[in-house]
Amino acid sequence: MIERKSLDETPAGFAAQAVPISRRALLTGTALLLALSQAPFAFATTPSETEAAFYRISSVLTDKSNLSATTSRRILEALSSDDPGIADKVLRLAVLAQVNHTGAALKAAARAEGLDANVMKIVTAWYTGTIDTANGPVVIAYKDALMYGPVADGLTVPTYCNNGPIWWSGLPPEITRAPVNIPKVL
């Protein structure tokens, strides 16, 4: 049988008291805890100098200003895993991009510096969404690859149904008529 101890029989030095807490203090503490739990994510997304330079040269090379920062980071990570010296090459290309503001001009300047192959890897990665590495191809982006942008109004990304990527997440189309049972099955 379990014996119940009275409050007077607590171990020495242990004070068991209920701490009064108001609803306002509880809500404030919870909100503060949630805000602080998001702080590491805010600091983790600050791009490094190399990531920022890679995004800038990608924007110049593709002549697009609305590239995905997440895709840019993924491309740089995949290129870095295949070529450990890519960070220095990216910074050299960033210096060239300060003077050459179009993709064609930057490519010509990179060719003169011996960085033409790196420029082609970057452009290929953005348009196809893949990178050929020593360990085989790496897929970075599929539906967000730039090659699908020009035809997005008429064609869907291959292997997806005609309703587009992630079609099942949207609401179904409205039914406009009852199905016709011809030939009569039931």
N, C-alpha and C. Protein backbone atom coordinates (compact mmCIF):
# COMPACT_ATOMS: atom_id res chain seq x y z
N MET A 1 0.83 -1.16 0.00
CA MET A 1 0.00 0.00 0.00
C MET A 1 0.89 1.24 0.00
N ILE A 2 0.49 2.25 -0.69
CA ILE A 2 1.25 3.49 -0.79
C ILE A 2 0.87 4.40 0.36
N GLU A 3 1.89 4.90 1.03
CA GLU A 3 1.64 5.82 2.14
C GLU A 3 1.71 7.24 1.62
N ARG A 4 0.82 8.03 2.10
CA ARG A 4 0.84 9.45 1.76
C ARG A 4 1.59 10.21 2.82
N LYS A 5 2.45 11.09 2.36
CA LYS A 5 3.18 11.93 3.31
C LYS A 5 2.48 13.27 3.41
N SER A 6 2.49 13.81 4.54
CA SER A 6 1.89 15.13 4.71
C SER A 6 2.89 16.18 4.24
N LEU A 7 2.45 17.39 4.06
CA LEU A 7 3.32 18.46 3.61
C LEU A 7 4.42 18.75 4.62
N ASP A 8 4.21 18.41 5.87
CA ASP A 8 5.21 18.66 6.89
C ASP A 8 6.37 17.67 6.80
N GLU A 9 6.22 16.57 6.07
CA GLU A 9 7.24 15.53 6.00
C GLU A 9 8.12 15.65 4.76
N THR A 10 8.28 16.84 4.19
CA THR A 10 9.13 17.01 3.02
C THR A 10 10.58 16.99 3.44
N PRO A 11 11.50 16.60 2.52
CA PRO A 11 12.92 16.54 2.86
C PRO A 11 13.44 17.91 3.30
N ALA A 12 14.48 17.90 4.09
CA ALA A 12 15.05 19.13 4.61
C ALA A 12 15.56 20.01 3.47
N GLY A 13 15.32 21.29 3.54
CA GLY A 13 15.79 22.24 2.54
C GLY A 13 14.89 22.32 1.31
N PHE A 14 13.86 21.55 1.26
CA PHE A 14 12.97 21.57 0.09
C PHE A 14 11.68 22.25 0.47
N ALA A 15 11.43 23.34 -0.17
CA ALA A 15 10.21 24.08 0.12
C ALA A 15 9.26 23.91 -1.04
N ALA A 16 8.19 23.23 -0.84
CA ALA A 16 7.20 23.01 -1.88
C ALA A 16 6.11 24.05 -1.73
N GLN A 17 6.17 25.06 -2.58
CA GLN A 17 5.16 26.11 -2.52
C GLN A 17 4.65 26.34 -3.93
N ALA A 18 3.41 26.65 -4.04
CA ALA A 18 2.82 26.99 -5.32
C ALA A 18 3.16 28.44 -5.62
N VAL A 19 3.67 28.68 -6.79
CA VAL A 19 4.03 30.04 -7.19
C VAL A 19 2.85 30.62 -7.95
N PRO A 20 2.31 31.71 -7.48
CA PRO A 20 1.18 32.30 -8.20
C PRO A 20 1.67 32.93 -9.51
N ILE A 21 0.98 32.65 -10.59
CA ILE A 21 1.33 33.21 -11.88
C ILE A 21 0.05 33.69 -12.57
N SER A 22 0.13 34.86 -13.11
CA SER A 22 -1.05 35.41 -13.77
C SER A 22 -1.10 34.92 -15.22
N ARG A 23 -2.25 35.01 -15.79
CA ARG A 23 -2.42 34.60 -17.18
C ARG A 23 -1.57 35.49 -18.09
N ARG A 24 -1.50 36.77 -17.79
CA ARG A 24 -0.72 37.71 -18.59
C ARG A 24 0.76 37.33 -18.57
N ALA A 25 1.28 36.98 -17.39
CA ALA A 25 2.69 36.60 -17.27
C ALA A 25 2.96 35.30 -18.03
N LEU A 26 2.03 34.37 -17.98
CA LEU A 26 2.18 33.11 -18.70
C LEU A 26 2.20 33.35 -20.20
N LEU A 27 1.29 34.17 -20.71
CA LEU A 27 1.24 34.45 -22.15
C LEU A 27 2.48 35.22 -22.60
N THR A 28 2.91 36.18 -21.79
CA THR A 28 4.11 36.93 -22.13
C THR A 28 5.34 36.03 -22.17
N GLY A 29 5.47 35.17 -21.19
CA GLY A 29 6.59 34.24 -21.15
C GLY A 29 6.58 33.27 -22.32
N THR A 30 5.40 32.79 -22.68
CA THR A 30 5.28 31.87 -23.81
C THR A 30 5.64 32.58 -25.11
N ALA A 31 5.17 33.81 -25.30
CA ALA A 31 5.49 34.56 -26.52
C ALA A 31 6.98 34.83 -26.61
N LEU A 32 7.60 35.17 -25.49
CA LEU A 32 9.03 35.42 -25.47
C LEU A 32 9.81 34.14 -25.79
N LEU A 33 9.38 33.03 -25.25
CA LEU A 33 10.03 31.75 -25.53
C LEU A 33 9.93 31.39 -27.01
N LEU A 34 8.76 31.60 -27.61
CA LEU A 34 8.60 31.31 -29.03
C LEU A 34 9.46 32.24 -29.88
N ALA A 35 9.53 33.51 -29.51
CA ALA A 35 10.35 34.45 -30.27
C ALA A 35 11.82 34.08 -30.19
N LEU A 36 12.28 33.69 -29.02
CA LEU A 36 13.69 33.31 -28.86
C LEU A 36 14.01 32.00 -29.56
N SER A 37 13.02 31.13 -29.69
CA SER A 37 13.27 29.86 -30.37
C SER A 37 13.49 30.06 -31.86
N GLN A 38 13.00 31.18 -32.41
CA GLN A 38 13.19 31.47 -33.83
C GLN A 38 14.49 32.22 -34.10
N ALA A 39 15.14 32.71 -33.08
CA ALA A 39 16.35 33.52 -33.26
C ALA A 39 17.46 32.78 -34.00
N PRO A 40 17.74 31.51 -33.72
CA PRO A 40 18.82 30.84 -34.46
C PRO A 40 18.56 30.79 -35.96
N PHE A 41 17.30 30.68 -36.36
CA PHE A 41 16.99 30.63 -37.78
C PHE A 41 17.26 31.97 -38.44
N ALA A 42 16.98 33.05 -37.74
CA ALA A 42 17.23 34.38 -38.29
C ALA A 42 18.72 34.59 -38.53
N PHE A 43 19.56 34.13 -37.61
CA PHE A 43 20.99 34.30 -37.77
C PHE A 43 21.58 33.30 -38.75
N ALA A 44 20.98 32.13 -38.87
CA ALA A 44 21.50 31.10 -39.77
C ALA A 44 21.30 31.46 -41.22
N THR A 45 20.32 32.29 -41.54
CA THR A 45 20.05 32.61 -42.94
C THR A 45 20.84 33.81 -43.43
N THR A 46 21.65 34.44 -42.59
CA THR A 46 22.49 35.54 -43.04
C THR A 46 23.57 34.97 -43.95
N PRO A 47 23.62 35.41 -45.21
CA PRO A 47 24.58 34.81 -46.14
C PRO A 47 26.02 35.24 -45.83
N SER A 48 26.92 34.34 -46.11
CA SER A 48 28.35 34.66 -45.97
C SER A 48 28.77 35.55 -47.14
N GLU A 49 30.00 36.01 -47.10
CA GLU A 49 30.51 36.86 -48.18
C GLU A 49 30.51 36.08 -49.50
N THR A 50 30.90 34.82 -49.44
CA THR A 50 30.94 34.00 -50.66
C THR A 50 29.53 33.76 -51.19
N GLU A 51 28.57 33.48 -50.29
CA GLU A 51 27.18 33.25 -50.73
C GLU A 51 26.59 34.51 -51.36
N ALA A 52 26.86 35.66 -50.77
CA ALA A 52 26.35 36.91 -51.34
C ALA A 52 27.00 37.20 -52.69
N ALA A 53 28.30 36.94 -52.80
CA ALA A 53 28.99 37.14 -54.08
C ALA A 53 28.46 36.17 -55.13
N PHE A 54 28.21 34.93 -54.74
CA PHE A 54 27.68 33.94 -55.68
C PHE A 54 26.29 34.36 -56.18
N TYR A 55 25.46 34.87 -55.29
CA TYR A 55 24.13 35.33 -55.70
C TYR A 55 24.25 36.50 -56.68
N ARG A 56 25.17 37.43 -56.41
CA ARG A 56 25.35 38.58 -57.30
C ARG A 56 25.82 38.14 -58.69
N ILE A 57 26.83 37.26 -58.74
CA ILE A 57 27.31 36.84 -60.06
C ILE A 57 26.27 35.99 -60.78
N SER A 58 25.47 35.23 -60.03
CA SER A 58 24.40 34.46 -60.65
C SER A 58 23.37 35.39 -61.28
N SER A 59 23.06 36.48 -60.58
CA SER A 59 22.10 37.45 -61.12
C SER A 59 22.62 38.10 -62.40
N VAL A 60 23.92 38.40 -62.42
CA VAL A 60 24.51 39.00 -63.61
C VAL A 60 24.55 37.99 -64.75
N LEU A 61 24.99 36.77 -64.46
CA LEU A 61 25.13 35.76 -65.52
C LEU A 61 23.80 35.36 -66.14
N THR A 62 22.75 35.28 -65.33
CA THR A 62 21.45 34.86 -65.85
C THR A 62 20.59 36.05 -66.28
N ASP A 63 21.06 37.26 -66.01
CA ASP A 63 20.30 38.49 -66.29
C ASP A 63 18.94 38.47 -65.60
N LYS A 64 18.90 37.90 -64.40
CA LYS A 64 17.66 37.84 -63.61
C LYS A 64 17.94 38.38 -62.22
N SER A 65 17.03 39.20 -61.72
CA SER A 65 17.24 39.81 -60.40
C SER A 65 16.41 39.13 -59.31
N ASN A 66 15.56 38.19 -59.68
CA ASN A 66 14.67 37.55 -58.70
C ASN A 66 15.00 36.07 -58.48
N LEU A 67 16.26 35.75 -58.40
CA LEU A 67 16.68 34.37 -58.17
C LEU A 67 16.41 33.96 -56.72
N SER A 68 16.23 32.69 -56.51
CA SER A 68 15.98 32.16 -55.17
C SER A 68 17.29 32.09 -54.38
N ALA A 69 17.30 32.71 -53.20
CA ALA A 69 18.49 32.67 -52.35
C ALA A 69 18.76 31.25 -51.86
N THR A 70 17.70 30.48 -51.63
CA THR A 70 17.87 29.10 -51.18
C THR A 70 18.51 28.25 -52.28
N THR A 71 18.02 28.41 -53.51
CA THR A 71 18.60 27.66 -54.63
C THR A 71 20.05 28.10 -54.85
N SER A 72 20.32 29.38 -54.70
CA SER A 72 21.69 29.88 -54.85
C SER A 72 22.61 29.22 -53.84
N ARG A 73 22.17 29.13 -52.60
CA ARG A 73 22.97 28.51 -51.55
C ARG A 73 23.19 27.02 -51.86
N ARG A 74 22.15 26.35 -52.34
CA ARG A 74 22.29 24.92 -52.66
C ARG A 74 23.26 24.69 -53.82
N ILE A 75 23.19 25.55 -54.83
CA ILE A 75 24.11 25.41 -55.96
C ILE A 75 25.55 25.61 -55.49
N LEU A 76 25.77 26.63 -54.67
CA LEU A 76 27.11 26.90 -54.17
C LEU A 76 27.62 25.73 -53.32
N GLU A 77 26.76 25.16 -52.49
CA GLU A 77 27.17 24.01 -51.67
C GLU A 77 27.56 22.82 -52.54
N ALA A 78 26.78 22.56 -53.59
CA ALA A 78 27.09 21.43 -54.48
C ALA A 78 28.39 21.69 -55.24
N LEU A 79 28.59 22.92 -55.71
CA LEU A 79 29.82 23.25 -56.41
C LEU A 79 31.02 23.16 -55.46
N SER A 80 30.83 23.58 -54.20
CA SER A 80 31.91 23.52 -53.21
C SER A 80 32.30 22.10 -52.87
N SER A 81 31.32 21.20 -52.84
CA SER A 81 31.65 19.80 -52.53
C SER A 81 32.44 19.16 -53.66
N ASP A 82 32.26 19.65 -54.87
CA ASP A 82 32.98 19.09 -56.02
C ASP A 82 34.32 19.80 -56.24
N ASP A 83 34.38 21.09 -55.91
CA ASP A 83 35.59 21.89 -56.13
C ASP A 83 35.85 22.74 -54.89
N PRO A 84 36.76 22.31 -54.01
CA PRO A 84 37.01 23.05 -52.77
C PRO A 84 37.51 24.49 -53.00
N GLY A 85 38.07 24.78 -54.15
CA GLY A 85 38.58 26.12 -54.45
C GLY A 85 37.57 27.04 -55.08
N ILE A 86 36.30 26.62 -55.11
CA ILE A 86 35.29 27.43 -55.79
C ILE A 86 35.06 28.77 -55.10
N ALA A 87 35.26 28.84 -53.80
CA ALA A 87 35.03 30.11 -53.08
C ALA A 87 35.95 31.20 -53.61
N ASP A 88 37.22 30.89 -53.84
CA ASP A 88 38.15 31.88 -54.39
C ASP A 88 37.74 32.29 -55.80
N LYS A 89 37.29 31.32 -56.59
CA LYS A 89 36.86 31.62 -57.96
C LYS A 89 35.62 32.49 -57.97
N VAL A 90 34.70 32.23 -57.03
CA VAL A 90 33.49 33.04 -56.92
C VAL A 90 33.84 34.48 -56.57
N LEU A 91 34.76 34.65 -55.64
CA LEU A 91 35.17 36.01 -55.26
C LEU A 91 35.88 36.72 -56.41
N ARG A 92 36.66 35.98 -57.20
CA ARG A 92 37.29 36.58 -58.40
C ARG A 92 36.24 36.97 -59.41
N LEU A 93 35.22 36.12 -59.60
CA LEU A 93 34.14 36.46 -60.52
C LEU A 93 33.33 37.65 -60.01
N ALA A 94 33.19 37.77 -58.70
CA ALA A 94 32.44 38.90 -58.13
C ALA A 94 33.15 40.21 -58.43
N VAL A 95 34.48 40.21 -58.39
CA VAL A 95 35.24 41.41 -58.74
C VAL A 95 35.01 41.77 -60.20
N LEU A 96 35.00 40.75 -61.06
CA LEU A 96 34.73 41.00 -62.49
C LEU A 96 33.31 41.49 -62.72
N ALA A 97 32.36 41.01 -61.90
CA ALA A 97 30.96 41.39 -62.07
C ALA A 97 30.71 42.84 -61.68
N GLN A 98 31.61 43.43 -60.89
CA GLN A 98 31.44 44.84 -60.53
C GLN A 98 31.64 45.75 -61.74
N VAL A 99 32.43 45.29 -62.70
CA VAL A 99 32.71 46.08 -63.90
C VAL A 99 31.84 45.62 -65.07
N ASN A 100 31.56 44.33 -65.14
CA ASN A 100 30.80 43.74 -66.26
C ASN A 100 29.39 43.45 -65.77
N HIS A 101 28.42 44.23 -66.24
CA HIS A 101 27.07 44.18 -65.69
C HIS A 101 26.09 43.32 -66.48
N THR A 102 26.53 42.67 -67.54
CA THR A 102 25.67 41.76 -68.29
C THR A 102 26.31 40.38 -68.31
N GLY A 103 25.49 39.38 -68.58
CA GLY A 103 25.99 38.02 -68.61
C GLY A 103 27.05 37.81 -69.67
N ALA A 104 26.83 38.39 -70.86
CA ALA A 104 27.79 38.22 -71.96
C ALA A 104 29.12 38.89 -71.63
N ALA A 105 29.07 40.08 -71.04
CA ALA A 105 30.31 40.80 -70.69
C ALA A 105 31.07 40.05 -69.59
N LEU A 106 30.34 39.55 -68.60
CA LEU A 106 31.00 38.81 -67.52
C LEU A 106 31.60 37.51 -68.03
N LYS A 107 30.92 36.85 -68.95
CA LYS A 107 31.45 35.61 -69.52
C LYS A 107 32.73 35.88 -70.31
N ALA A 108 32.76 36.97 -71.07
CA ALA A 108 33.96 37.31 -71.83
C ALA A 108 35.12 37.66 -70.89
N ALA A 109 34.84 38.40 -69.82
CA ALA A 109 35.88 38.74 -68.86
C ALA A 109 36.37 37.49 -68.13
N ALA A 110 35.47 36.58 -67.82
CA ALA A 110 35.84 35.33 -67.15
C ALA A 110 36.70 34.47 -68.05
N ARG A 111 36.40 34.47 -69.34
CA ARG A 111 37.21 33.70 -70.30
C ARG A 111 38.65 34.22 -70.30
N ALA A 112 38.81 35.54 -70.25
CA ALA A 112 40.15 36.13 -70.23
C ALA A 112 40.91 35.76 -68.95
N GLU A 113 40.19 35.53 -67.86
CA GLU A 113 40.81 35.18 -66.58
C GLU A 113 40.93 33.66 -66.38
N GLY A 114 40.44 32.87 -67.34
CA GLY A 114 40.50 31.42 -67.23
C GLY A 114 39.40 30.83 -66.36
N LEU A 115 38.31 31.57 -66.17
CA LEU A 115 37.20 31.11 -65.33
C LEU A 115 35.97 30.75 -66.15
N ASP A 116 36.15 30.56 -67.45
CA ASP A 116 35.01 30.29 -68.33
C ASP A 116 34.29 29.00 -67.95
N ALA A 117 35.02 27.95 -67.58
CA ALA A 117 34.38 26.69 -67.22
C ALA A 117 33.52 26.85 -65.97
N ASN A 118 33.96 27.66 -65.03
CA ASN A 118 33.17 27.91 -63.82
C ASN A 118 31.89 28.68 -64.14
N VAL A 119 32.00 29.64 -65.04
CA VAL A 119 30.81 30.39 -65.46
C VAL A 119 29.80 29.45 -66.10
N MET A 120 30.27 28.56 -66.94
CA MET A 120 29.35 27.63 -67.60
C MET A 120 28.72 26.67 -66.60
N LYS A 121 29.46 26.24 -65.58
CA LYS A 121 28.88 25.37 -64.55
C LYS A 121 27.77 26.09 -63.79
N ILE A 122 28.00 27.36 -63.49
CA ILE A 122 27.01 28.15 -62.74
C ILE A 122 25.75 28.34 -63.57
N VAL A 123 25.90 28.75 -64.82
CA VAL A 123 24.74 28.98 -65.68
C VAL A 123 23.99 27.67 -65.93
N THR A 124 24.72 26.60 -66.18
CA THR A 124 24.09 25.30 -66.38
C THR A 124 23.31 24.86 -65.15
N ALA A 125 23.88 25.09 -63.98
CA ALA A 125 23.19 24.72 -62.74
C ALA A 125 21.88 25.49 -62.58
N TRP A 126 21.91 26.78 -62.87
CA TRP A 126 20.67 27.57 -62.72
C TRP A 126 19.61 27.15 -63.73
N TYR A 127 20.01 26.90 -64.98
CA TYR A 127 18.99 26.60 -66.00
C TYR A 127 18.50 25.16 -65.96
N THR A 128 19.37 24.21 -65.68
CA THR A 128 18.92 22.82 -65.66
C THR A 128 18.53 22.34 -64.27
N GLY A 129 19.02 23.02 -63.24
CA GLY A 129 18.74 22.60 -61.87
C GLY A 129 19.60 21.44 -61.42
N THR A 130 20.62 21.07 -62.20
CA THR A 130 21.51 19.96 -61.86
C THR A 130 22.97 20.39 -61.98
N ILE A 131 23.83 19.66 -61.29
CA ILE A 131 25.27 19.89 -61.37
C ILE A 131 25.94 18.55 -61.55
N ASP A 132 26.83 18.46 -62.55
CA ASP A 132 27.61 17.23 -62.74
C ASP A 132 28.83 17.31 -61.83
N THR A 133 28.91 16.38 -60.88
CA THR A 133 30.04 16.33 -59.96
C THR A 133 30.84 15.06 -60.21
N ALA A 134 31.94 14.93 -59.51
CA ALA A 134 32.77 13.72 -59.64
C ALA A 134 32.02 12.48 -59.15
N ASN A 135 31.08 12.67 -58.24
CA ASN A 135 30.30 11.55 -57.71
C ASN A 135 29.00 11.32 -58.48
N GLY A 136 28.81 12.03 -59.57
CA GLY A 136 27.60 11.89 -60.37
C GLY A 136 26.77 13.17 -60.28
N PRO A 137 25.69 13.21 -61.05
CA PRO A 137 24.87 14.43 -61.06
C PRO A 137 24.14 14.65 -59.74
N VAL A 138 23.99 15.92 -59.38
CA VAL A 138 23.28 16.33 -58.18
C VAL A 138 22.13 17.23 -58.62
N VAL A 139 20.92 16.89 -58.18
CA VAL A 139 19.75 17.70 -58.50
C VAL A 139 19.59 18.76 -57.42
N ILE A 140 19.57 20.00 -57.83
CA ILE A 140 19.45 21.13 -56.91
C ILE A 140 18.01 21.64 -56.91
N ALA A 141 17.47 21.86 -58.08
CA ALA A 141 16.10 22.38 -58.21
C ALA A 141 15.47 21.68 -59.40
N TYR A 142 14.22 21.33 -59.26
CA TYR A 142 13.56 20.67 -60.39
C TYR A 142 12.55 21.61 -61.02
N LYS A 143 11.47 21.85 -60.32
CA LYS A 143 10.45 22.72 -60.91
C LYS A 143 10.88 24.18 -60.94
N ASP A 144 11.91 24.55 -60.16
CA ASP A 144 12.39 25.93 -60.13
C ASP A 144 13.56 26.18 -61.06
N ALA A 145 13.95 25.21 -61.87
CA ALA A 145 15.03 25.41 -62.84
C ALA A 145 14.60 26.49 -63.83
N LEU A 146 15.51 27.37 -64.19
CA LEU A 146 15.17 28.53 -65.03
C LEU A 146 14.71 28.15 -66.43
N MET A 147 15.08 26.97 -66.91
CA MET A 147 14.69 26.60 -68.27
C MET A 147 13.17 26.43 -68.43
N TYR A 148 12.46 26.22 -67.33
CA TYR A 148 11.01 26.05 -67.42
C TYR A 148 10.26 27.38 -67.38
N GLY A 149 10.93 28.46 -67.01
CA GLY A 149 10.28 29.76 -66.90
C GLY A 149 9.66 30.29 -68.18
N PRO A 150 10.38 30.28 -69.31
CA PRO A 150 9.82 30.85 -70.53
C PRO A 150 8.56 30.16 -71.06
N VAL A 151 8.37 28.89 -70.72
CA VAL A 151 7.21 28.16 -71.23
C VAL A 151 6.21 27.82 -70.13
N ALA A 152 6.35 28.43 -68.97
CA ALA A 152 5.51 28.09 -67.82
C ALA A 152 4.04 28.39 -68.06
N ASP A 153 3.72 29.32 -68.96
CA ASP A 153 2.31 29.64 -69.20
C ASP A 153 1.61 28.58 -70.05
N GLY A 154 2.36 27.73 -70.76
CA GLY A 154 1.73 26.75 -71.63
C GLY A 154 2.12 25.31 -71.35
N LEU A 155 3.28 25.10 -70.76
CA LEU A 155 3.76 23.75 -70.52
C LEU A 155 4.04 23.56 -69.04
N THR A 156 3.87 22.34 -68.58
CA THR A 156 4.20 22.03 -67.20
C THR A 156 5.57 21.37 -67.14
N VAL A 157 6.14 21.32 -65.96
CA VAL A 157 7.42 20.67 -65.77
C VAL A 157 7.24 19.18 -66.10
N PRO A 158 8.12 18.58 -66.90
CA PRO A 158 7.96 17.17 -67.26
C PRO A 158 7.84 16.28 -66.03
N THR A 159 7.07 15.23 -66.18
CA THR A 159 6.76 14.19 -65.20
C THR A 159 5.68 14.63 -64.22
N TYR A 160 5.27 15.87 -64.25
CA TYR A 160 4.14 16.28 -63.44
C TYR A 160 2.88 16.20 -64.29
N CYS A 161 1.74 16.08 -63.64
CA CYS A 161 0.50 16.04 -64.39
C CYS A 161 0.22 17.42 -64.97
N ASN A 162 -0.79 17.53 -65.80
CA ASN A 162 -1.08 18.79 -66.47
C ASN A 162 -1.59 19.88 -65.54
N ASN A 163 -1.92 19.54 -64.31
CA ASN A 163 -2.35 20.57 -63.37
C ASN A 163 -1.16 21.23 -62.69
N GLY A 164 0.06 20.83 -62.99
CA GLY A 164 1.24 21.47 -62.45
C GLY A 164 1.79 20.78 -61.23
N PRO A 165 2.95 21.25 -60.78
CA PRO A 165 3.58 20.64 -59.61
C PRO A 165 2.72 20.80 -58.35
N ILE A 166 2.71 19.80 -57.54
CA ILE A 166 2.00 19.77 -56.26
C ILE A 166 0.52 20.11 -56.46
N TRP A 167 -0.07 19.58 -57.50
CA TRP A 167 -1.46 19.91 -57.85
C TRP A 167 -2.45 19.46 -56.80
N TRP A 168 -2.11 18.43 -56.04
CA TRP A 168 -3.05 17.88 -55.07
C TRP A 168 -3.23 18.78 -53.85
N SER A 169 -2.39 19.78 -53.68
CA SER A 169 -2.50 20.64 -52.51
C SER A 169 -3.58 21.70 -52.69
N GLY A 170 -4.01 21.96 -53.92
CA GLY A 170 -5.04 22.97 -54.16
C GLY A 170 -6.43 22.37 -54.09
N LEU A 171 -7.41 23.25 -54.12
CA LEU A 171 -8.80 22.79 -54.12
C LEU A 171 -9.15 22.17 -55.47
N PRO A 172 -10.02 21.17 -55.49
CA PRO A 172 -10.40 20.57 -56.78
C PRO A 172 -11.26 21.53 -57.57
N PRO A 173 -11.27 21.40 -58.90
CA PRO A 173 -12.12 22.28 -59.70
C PRO A 173 -13.60 21.98 -59.43
N GLU A 174 -14.41 22.98 -59.65
CA GLU A 174 -15.84 22.80 -59.41
C GLU A 174 -16.44 21.86 -60.45
N ILE A 175 -17.41 21.08 -60.02
CA ILE A 175 -18.11 20.19 -60.94
C ILE A 175 -19.19 21.02 -61.63
N THR A 176 -19.21 20.98 -62.95
CA THR A 176 -20.17 21.79 -63.69
C THR A 176 -21.34 20.97 -64.23
N ARG A 177 -21.17 19.65 -64.27
CA ARG A 177 -22.30 18.83 -64.73
C ARG A 177 -22.18 17.44 -64.12
N ALA A 178 -23.26 16.72 -64.13
CA ALA A 178 -23.26 15.36 -63.60
C ALA A 178 -22.60 14.44 -64.62
N PRO A 179 -21.92 13.40 -64.17
CA PRO A 179 -21.30 12.48 -65.12
C PRO A 179 -22.35 11.71 -65.92
N VAL A 180 -21.99 11.42 -67.14
CA VAL A 180 -22.88 10.65 -68.01
C VAL A 180 -22.48 9.19 -67.89
N ASN A 181 -23.47 8.32 -67.67
CA ASN A 181 -23.19 6.91 -67.46
C ASN A 181 -23.44 6.15 -68.76
N ILE A 182 -22.60 6.39 -69.76
CA ILE A 182 -22.72 5.68 -71.04
C ILE A 182 -21.38 5.03 -71.32
N PRO A 183 -21.28 3.78 -71.59
CA PRO A 183 -22.36 2.81 -71.51
C PRO A 183 -22.75 2.59 -70.05
N LYS A 184 -23.99 2.20 -69.89
CA LYS A 184 -24.51 2.03 -68.55
C LYS A 184 -23.77 0.87 -67.87
N VAL A 185 -23.11 1.21 -66.78
CA VAL A 185 -22.31 0.23 -66.07
C VAL A 185 -23.07 -0.29 -64.88
N LEU A 186 -23.76 0.54 -64.19
CA LEU A 186 -24.48 0.13 -63.00
C LEU A 186 -25.96 0.12 -63.21
